[in-house]
Amino acid sequence: MPYDKELIAHKLIRWEHYLNNYKLPAWKELPDIGLYMDQVIALLGQYLDFIPMEDSKDKPVTPTTINNYVRLKVMPAPEKRKYYRVHIAFLIMIFTLKQGISINGLQQLLPSTADEEEIKNFYTSYVERLQEVGNFYTAQTRAAVQDILDPQVTDEGVVENVIIQSILQSGFSRIMAEKLLHLQDADPERVLELEKISDGRGRHPLGQLPEKEE
């Protein structure tokens, strides 16, 4: 079924406006009074309302998902079933990062310390970075969707092209992030040796393939 180009253009402009005005709460704005699970879910629902849901019954944040992150030690455990500022900060970062990274990646990337000052500094930097990336993303997207926004363009394939482009960009970005995380605490000599082994592998019958990254 073809897309309604006018509706897509409306949604893209609305999404751009939303991202340009979206800000995560600052550290001092996070509640530190000790919240129970249902209160945490309600709060995160307000902070992260841009995360898509498959249908009206689905929720981006559930007790099961939060308990899994605690069990996997991606975030600190609650204190006597209550969640404080540190926990809320972790959950905000987890649920905004999980769109483009694996659980293992989250474990490597997020602070493993229980030191509140270190977590505060990490979260504060993260909030700034998210806004910078959001502004960059909207500028790049605006340039990429000009054919959709232009009412004179009638090609029905422009929407599919943007969807495919977005998926490919997301995939390449995730691959790069995973590759960089894989280099955490890596032995440089070992990495370079693996590159030599990879570069020395056979050639494709129709010519040499691009070098494969390990």
C-alpha atoms as a PDB file:
ATOM      1  CA  MET A   1       0.000   0.000   0.000  1.00  0.00           C
ATOM      2  CA  PRO A   2       1.515   3.382  -0.984  1.00  0.00           C
ATOM      3  CA  TYR A   3       2.413   5.967   1.631  1.00  0.00           C
ATOM      4  CA  ASP A   4       0.499   9.207   2.035  1.00  0.00           C
ATOM      5  CA  LYS A   5       3.367  11.577   1.216  1.00  0.00           C
ATOM      6  CA  GLU A   6       1.656  14.547   2.837  1.00  0.00           C
ATOM      7  CA  LEU A   7       1.164  12.604   6.063  1.00  0.00           C
ATOM      8  CA  ILE A   8       4.799  11.445   6.047  1.00  0.00           C
ATOM      9  CA  ALA A   9       5.978  15.043   5.545  1.00  0.00           C
ATOM     10  CA  HIS A  10       3.785  16.165   8.443  1.00  0.00           C
ATOM     11  CA  LYS A  11       5.221  13.466  10.698  1.00  0.00           C
ATOM     12  CA  LEU A  12       8.827  14.266   9.728  1.00  0.00           C
ATOM     13  CA  ILE A  13       8.350  17.955  10.543  1.00  0.00           C
ATOM     14  CA  ARG A  14       6.673  17.053  13.835  1.00  0.00           C
ATOM     15  CA  TRP A  15       9.545  14.681  14.722  1.00  0.00           C
ATOM     16  CA  GLU A  16      12.112  17.338  13.851  1.00  0.00           C
ATOM     17  CA  HIS A  17      10.366  19.903  16.058  1.00  0.00           C
ATOM     18  CA  TYR A  18      10.139  17.400  18.897  1.00  0.00           C
ATOM     19  CA  LEU A  19      13.836  16.464  18.803  1.00  0.00           C
ATOM     20  CA  ASN A  20      14.958  20.073  18.523  1.00  0.00           C
ATOM     21  CA  ASN A  21      13.112  20.828  21.751  1.00  0.00           C
ATOM     22  CA  TYR A  22      13.666  17.563  23.606  1.00  0.00           C
ATOM     23  CA  LYS A  23      15.899  17.556  26.670  1.00  0.00           C
ATOM     24  CA  LEU A  24      16.586  14.858  29.202  1.00  0.00           C
ATOM     25  CA  PRO A  25      16.271  15.969  32.820  1.00  0.00           C
ATOM     26  CA  ALA A  26      19.437  17.297  34.419  1.00  0.00           C
ATOM     27  CA  TRP A  27      20.943  15.348  37.314  1.00  0.00           C
ATOM     28  CA  LYS A  28      19.543  17.739  39.927  1.00  0.00           C
ATOM     29  CA  GLU A  29      16.075  17.369  38.396  1.00  0.00           C
ATOM     30  CA  LEU A  30      15.981  13.616  38.984  1.00  0.00           C
ATOM     31  CA  PRO A  31      14.032  12.620  42.114  1.00  0.00           C
ATOM     32  CA  ASP A  32      16.125  11.243  44.946  1.00  0.00           C
ATOM     33  CA  ILE A  33      13.420  10.397  47.442  1.00  0.00           C
ATOM     34  CA  GLY A  34      13.223   6.655  46.812  1.00  0.00           C
ATOM     35  CA  LEU A  35      10.583   5.509  44.327  1.00  0.00           C
ATOM     36  CA  TYR A  36       8.829   2.178  44.030  1.00  0.00           C
ATOM     37  CA  MET A  37       8.708   0.288  40.741  1.00  0.00           C
ATOM     38  CA  ASP A  38       5.328   1.611  39.578  1.00  0.00           C
ATOM     39  CA  GLN A  39       6.441   5.181  40.275  1.00  0.00           C
ATOM     40  CA  VAL A  40       9.675   4.621  38.342  1.00  0.00           C
ATOM     41  CA  ILE A  41       7.780   3.283  35.331  1.00  0.00           C
ATOM     42  CA  ALA A  42       5.398   6.246  35.337  1.00  0.00           C
ATOM     43  CA  LEU A  43       8.319   8.679  35.572  1.00  0.00           C
ATOM     44  CA  LEU A  44      10.301   7.033  32.778  1.00  0.00           C
ATOM     45  CA  GLY A  45       7.177   7.021  30.632  1.00  0.00           C
ATOM     46  CA  GLN A  46       7.223  10.823  30.840  1.00  0.00           C
ATOM     47  CA  TYR A  47      10.965  11.146  30.196  1.00  0.00           C
ATOM     48  CA  LEU A  48      11.065   8.664  27.322  1.00  0.00           C
ATOM     49  CA  ASP A  49       7.771   9.224  25.559  1.00  0.00           C
ATOM     50  CA  PHE A  50       9.488   9.291  22.147  1.00  0.00           C
ATOM     51  CA  ILE A  51      10.398   5.584  22.282  1.00  0.00           C
ATOM     52  CA  PRO A  52       7.961   3.788  19.942  1.00  0.00           C
ATOM     53  CA  MET A  53       5.504   1.143  21.070  1.00  0.00           C
ATOM     54  CA  GLU A  54       4.237  -1.591  18.760  1.00  0.00           C
ATOM     55  CA  ASP A  55       0.658  -1.109  19.871  1.00  0.00           C
ATOM     56  CA  SER A  56      -1.352   0.507  22.643  1.00  0.00           C
ATOM     57  CA  LYS A  57      -0.867  -2.487  24.940  1.00  0.00           C
ATOM     58  CA  ASP A  58       2.927  -2.423  24.762  1.00  0.00           C
ATOM     59  CA  LYS A  59       5.050  -0.263  27.013  1.00  0.00           C
ATOM     60  CA  PRO A  60       8.691   0.689  26.453  1.00  0.00           C
ATOM     61  CA  VAL A  61       9.443   0.252  30.170  1.00  0.00           C
ATOM     62  CA  THR A  62       8.190  -2.683  32.250  1.00  0.00           C
ATOM     63  CA  PRO A  63       9.081  -4.207  35.650  1.00  0.00           C
ATOM     64  CA  THR A  64      10.446  -7.259  33.845  1.00  0.00           C
ATOM     65  CA  THR A  65      12.887  -5.268  31.740  1.00  0.00           C
ATOM     66  CA  ILE A  66      14.110  -3.256  34.731  1.00  0.00           C
ATOM     67  CA  ASN A  67      14.564  -6.410  36.826  1.00  0.00           C
ATOM     68  CA  ASN A  68      16.523  -7.991  33.967  1.00  0.00           C
ATOM     69  CA  TYR A  69      18.934  -5.055  33.825  1.00  0.00           C
ATOM     70  CA  VAL A  70      19.484  -5.360  37.569  1.00  0.00           C
ATOM     71  CA  ARG A  71      19.950  -9.133  37.308  1.00  0.00           C
ATOM     72  CA  LEU A  72      22.471  -8.726  34.480  1.00  0.00           C
ATOM     73  CA  LYS A  73      24.297  -6.048  36.512  1.00  0.00           C
ATOM     74  CA  VAL A  74      23.833  -3.417  33.833  1.00  0.00           C
ATOM     75  CA  MET A  75      22.682  -1.098  36.627  1.00  0.00           C
ATOM     76  CA  PRO A  76      22.828  -1.058  40.450  1.00  0.00           C
ATOM     77  CA  ALA A  77      20.198  -2.946  42.405  1.00  0.00           C
ATOM     78  CA  PRO A  78      17.478  -0.943  44.165  1.00  0.00           C
ATOM     79  CA  GLU A  79      17.848  -0.232  47.860  1.00  0.00           C
ATOM     80  CA  LYS A  80      15.112  -2.008  49.809  1.00  0.00           C
ATOM     81  CA  ARG A  81      12.966  -2.058  46.648  1.00  0.00           C
ATOM     82  CA  LYS A  82      13.352   1.696  46.193  1.00  0.00           C
ATOM     83  CA  TYR A  83      14.998   3.478  43.275  1.00  0.00           C
ATOM     84  CA  TYR A  84      16.970   6.679  43.746  1.00  0.00           C
ATOM     85  CA  ARG A  85      18.576   9.285  41.497  1.00  0.00           C
ATOM     86  CA  VAL A  86      21.421   6.957  40.518  1.00  0.00           C
ATOM     87  CA  HIS A  87      18.975   4.268  39.410  1.00  0.00           C
ATOM     88  CA  ILE A  88      16.826   6.698  37.427  1.00  0.00           C
ATOM     89  CA  ALA A  89      19.915   8.041  35.640  1.00  0.00           C
ATOM     90  CA  PHE A  90      20.984   4.507  34.720  1.00  0.00           C
ATOM     91  CA  LEU A  91      17.533   3.625  33.431  1.00  0.00           C
ATOM     92  CA  ILE A  92      17.326   6.757  31.289  1.00  0.00           C
ATOM     93  CA  MET A  93      20.683   5.967  29.710  1.00  0.00           C
ATOM     94  CA  ILE A  94      19.836   2.299  29.253  1.00  0.00           C
ATOM     95  CA  PHE A  95      16.498   2.876  27.554  1.00  0.00           C
ATOM     96  CA  THR A  96      17.851   5.561  25.228  1.00  0.00           C
ATOM     97  CA  LEU A  97      20.949   3.543  24.337  1.00  0.00           C
ATOM     98  CA  LYS A  98      19.300   0.135  23.958  1.00  0.00           C
ATOM     99  CA  GLN A  99      17.826   1.209  20.612  1.00  0.00           C
ATOM    100  CA  GLY A 100      21.265   0.840  19.047  1.00  0.00           C
ATOM    101  CA  ILE A 101      23.416  -1.420  21.197  1.00  0.00           C
ATOM    102  CA  SER A 102      23.417  -4.892  22.721  1.00  0.00           C
ATOM    103  CA  ILE A 103      23.212  -5.777  26.409  1.00  0.00           C
ATOM    104  CA  ASN A 104      26.900  -6.655  26.385  1.00  0.00           C
ATOM    105  CA  GLY A 105      27.631  -3.262  24.897  1.00  0.00           C
ATOM    106  CA  LEU A 106      25.637  -1.557  27.638  1.00  0.00           C
ATOM    107  CA  GLN A 107      27.586  -3.452  30.275  1.00  0.00           C
ATOM    108  CA  GLN A 108      30.855  -2.240  28.783  1.00  0.00           C
ATOM    109  CA  LEU A 109      29.795   1.333  28.179  1.00  0.00           C
ATOM    110  CA  LEU A 110      27.975   2.341  31.355  1.00  0.00           C
ATOM    111  CA  PRO A 111      29.796   3.021  34.638  1.00  0.00           C
ATOM    112  CA  SER A 112      30.554  -0.078  36.666  1.00  0.00           C
ATOM    113  CA  THR A 113      31.243   1.946  39.780  1.00  0.00           C
ATOM    114  CA  ALA A 114      28.854   2.696  42.619  1.00  0.00           C
ATOM    115  CA  ASP A 115      30.433   6.109  43.168  1.00  0.00           C
ATOM    116  CA  GLU A 116      27.623   8.646  42.885  1.00  0.00           C
ATOM    117  CA  GLU A 117      29.868  11.526  41.834  1.00  0.00           C
ATOM    118  CA  GLU A 118      31.288   9.524  38.939  1.00  0.00           C
ATOM    119  CA  ILE A 119      27.817   8.457  37.831  1.00  0.00           C
ATOM    120  CA  LYS A 120      26.646  12.074  38.081  1.00  0.00           C
ATOM    121  CA  ASN A 121      29.479  13.262  35.829  1.00  0.00           C
ATOM    122  CA  PHE A 122      28.869  10.464  33.315  1.00  0.00           C
ATOM    123  CA  TYR A 123      25.126  11.169  33.195  1.00  0.00           C
ATOM    124  CA  THR A 124      25.608  14.937  32.863  1.00  0.00           C
ATOM    125  CA  SER A 125      27.952  14.415  29.920  1.00  0.00           C
ATOM    126  CA  TYR A 126      25.488  11.916  28.425  1.00  0.00           C
ATOM    127  CA  VAL A 127      22.599  14.405  28.573  1.00  0.00           C
ATOM    128  CA  GLU A 128      24.673  17.003  26.725  1.00  0.00           C
ATOM    129  CA  ARG A 129      25.764  14.484  24.116  1.00  0.00           C
ATOM    130  CA  LEU A 130      22.212  13.285  23.459  1.00  0.00           C
ATOM    131  CA  GLN A 131      21.089  16.826  22.725  1.00  0.00           C
ATOM    132  CA  GLU A 132      24.081  17.444  20.431  1.00  0.00           C
ATOM    133  CA  VAL A 133      23.408  14.234  18.515  1.00  0.00           C
ATOM    134  CA  GLY A 134      19.696  15.021  18.310  1.00  0.00           C
ATOM    135  CA  ASN A 135      20.415  18.423  16.752  1.00  0.00           C
ATOM    136  CA  PHE A 136      22.911  16.878  14.327  1.00  0.00           C
ATOM    137  CA  TYR A 137      20.463  14.123  13.416  1.00  0.00           C
ATOM    138  CA  THR A 138      17.605  16.509  12.641  1.00  0.00           C
ATOM    139  CA  ALA A 139      19.881  18.638  10.436  1.00  0.00           C
ATOM    140  CA  GLN A 140      21.059  15.571   8.518  1.00  0.00           C
ATOM    141  CA  THR A 141      17.540  14.209   8.228  1.00  0.00           C
ATOM    142  CA  ARG A 142      16.192  17.505   6.942  1.00  0.00           C
ATOM    143  CA  ALA A 143      18.687  17.322   4.067  1.00  0.00           C
ATOM    144  CA  ALA A 144      17.881  13.654   3.367  1.00  0.00           C
ATOM    145  CA  VAL A 145      14.089  14.051   3.172  1.00  0.00           C
ATOM    146  CA  GLN A 146      13.856  17.083   0.901  1.00  0.00           C
ATOM    147  CA  ASP A 147      12.126  15.035  -1.798  1.00  0.00           C
ATOM    148  CA  ILE A 148       9.415  14.060   0.674  1.00  0.00           C
ATOM    149  CA  LEU A 149       8.926  17.629   1.856  1.00  0.00           C
ATOM    150  CA  ASP A 150       8.796  18.944  -1.706  1.00  0.00           C
ATOM    151  CA  PRO A 151       5.172  18.724  -2.947  1.00  0.00           C
ATOM    152  CA  GLN A 152       6.418  18.875  -6.533  1.00  0.00           C
ATOM    153  CA  VAL A 153       8.148  15.486  -6.223  1.00  0.00           C
ATOM    154  CA  THR A 154       5.681  12.714  -6.998  1.00  0.00           C
ATOM    155  CA  ASP A 155       7.974   9.666  -6.989  1.00  0.00           C
ATOM    156  CA  GLU A 156       6.260   7.060  -4.795  1.00  0.00           C
ATOM    157  CA  GLY A 157       9.603   5.474  -3.921  1.00  0.00           C
ATOM    158  CA  VAL A 158      11.026   8.438  -2.000  1.00  0.00           C
ATOM    159  CA  VAL A 159       9.583   7.303   1.326  1.00  0.00           C
ATOM    160  CA  GLU A 160      10.947   3.768   0.950  1.00  0.00           C
ATOM    161  CA  ASN A 161      14.346   5.237   0.070  1.00  0.00           C
ATOM    162  CA  VAL A 162      14.437   7.251   3.276  1.00  0.00           C
ATOM    163  CA  ILE A 163      13.366   4.225   5.326  1.00  0.00           C
ATOM    164  CA  ILE A 164      16.094   2.062   3.784  1.00  0.00           C
ATOM    165  CA  GLN A 165      18.673   4.809   4.249  1.00  0.00           C
ATOM    166  CA  SER A 166      17.719   5.187   7.915  1.00  0.00           C
ATOM    167  CA  ILE A 167      17.970   1.448   8.522  1.00  0.00           C
ATOM    168  CA  LEU A 168      21.369   1.211   6.828  1.00  0.00           C
ATOM    169  CA  GLN A 169      22.733   4.209   8.728  1.00  0.00           C
ATOM    170  CA  SER A 170      21.511   2.713  11.980  1.00  0.00           C
ATOM    171  CA  GLY A 171      23.110  -0.625  11.140  1.00  0.00           C
ATOM    172  CA  PHE A 172      26.482   0.857  10.227  1.00  0.00           C
ATOM    173  CA  SER A 173      26.458   3.025  13.353  1.00  0.00           C
ATOM    174  CA  ARG A 174      25.741   0.021  15.542  1.00  0.00           C
ATOM    175  CA  ILE A 175      28.506  -2.009  13.898  1.00  0.00           C
ATOM    176  CA  MET A 176      31.004   0.800  14.475  1.00  0.00           C
ATOM    177  CA  ALA A 177      29.959   1.157  18.123  1.00  0.00           C
ATOM    178  CA  GLU A 178      30.290  -2.580  18.712  1.00  0.00           C
ATOM    179  CA  LYS A 179      33.727  -2.633  17.041  1.00  0.00           C
ATOM    180  CA  LEU A 180      34.978   0.222  19.213  1.00  0.00           C
ATOM    181  CA  LEU A 181      33.602  -1.367  22.381  1.00  0.00           C
ATOM    182  CA  HIS A 182      35.343  -4.598  21.390  1.00  0.00           C
ATOM    183  CA  LEU A 183      38.662  -2.745  21.600  1.00  0.00           C
ATOM    184  CA  GLN A 184      38.159  -1.949  25.285  1.00  0.00           C
ATOM    185  CA  ASP A 185      41.227  -3.215  27.193  1.00  0.00           C
ATOM    186  CA  ALA A 186      42.455  -4.810  23.956  1.00  0.00           C
ATOM    187  CA  ASP A 187      46.099  -5.731  23.367  1.00  0.00           C
ATOM    188  CA  PRO A 188      47.200  -3.472  20.455  1.00  0.00           C
ATOM    189  CA  GLU A 189      49.790  -5.990  19.251  1.00  0.00           C
ATOM    190  CA  ARG A 190      47.219  -8.770  19.208  1.00  0.00           C
ATOM    191  CA  VAL A 191      44.705  -6.615  17.299  1.00  0.00           C
ATOM    192  CA  LEU A 192      47.280  -5.634  14.672  1.00  0.00           C
ATOM    193  CA  GLU A 193      48.379  -9.255  14.324  1.00  0.00           C
ATOM    194  CA  LEU A 194      44.772 -10.304  13.661  1.00  0.00           C
ATOM    195  CA  GLU A 195      44.553  -7.599  11.000  1.00  0.00           C
ATOM    196  CA  LYS A 196      47.603  -9.031   9.245  1.00  0.00           C
ATOM    197  CA  ILE A 197      46.059 -12.498   9.324  1.00  0.00           C
ATOM    198  CA  SER A 198      42.808 -11.127   7.937  1.00  0.00           C
ATOM    199  CA  ASP A 199      44.588  -9.161   5.202  1.00  0.00           C
ATOM    200  CA  GLY A 200      46.522 -12.270   4.159  1.00  0.00           C
ATOM    201  CA  ARG A 201      43.465 -14.407   3.473  1.00  0.00           C
ATOM    202  CA  GLY A 202      42.597 -15.559  -0.043  1.00  0.00           C
ATOM    203  CA  ARG A 203      41.298 -13.508  -2.934  1.00  0.00           C
ATOM    204  CA  HIS A 204      37.841 -13.625  -4.458  1.00  0.00           C
ATOM    205  CA  PRO A 205      37.772 -15.250  -7.937  1.00  0.00           C
ATOM    206  CA  LEU A 206      36.513 -12.012  -9.471  1.00  0.00           C
ATOM    207  CA  GLY A 207      39.084  -9.842  -7.751  1.00  0.00           C
ATOM    208  CA  GLN A 208      40.204  -8.822  -4.315  1.00  0.00           C
ATOM    209  CA  LEU A 209      37.500  -8.155  -1.787  1.00  0.00           C
ATOM    210  CA  PRO A 210      37.690  -5.093   0.455  1.00  0.00           C
ATOM    211  CA  GLU A 211      39.707  -5.660   3.603  1.00  0.00           C
ATOM    212  CA  LYS A 212      37.693  -7.282   6.326  1.00  0.00           C
ATOM    213  CA  GLU A 213      37.691  -5.642   9.728  1.00  0.00           C
ATOM    214  CA  GLU A 214      38.208  -7.942  12.688  1.00  0.00           C
END
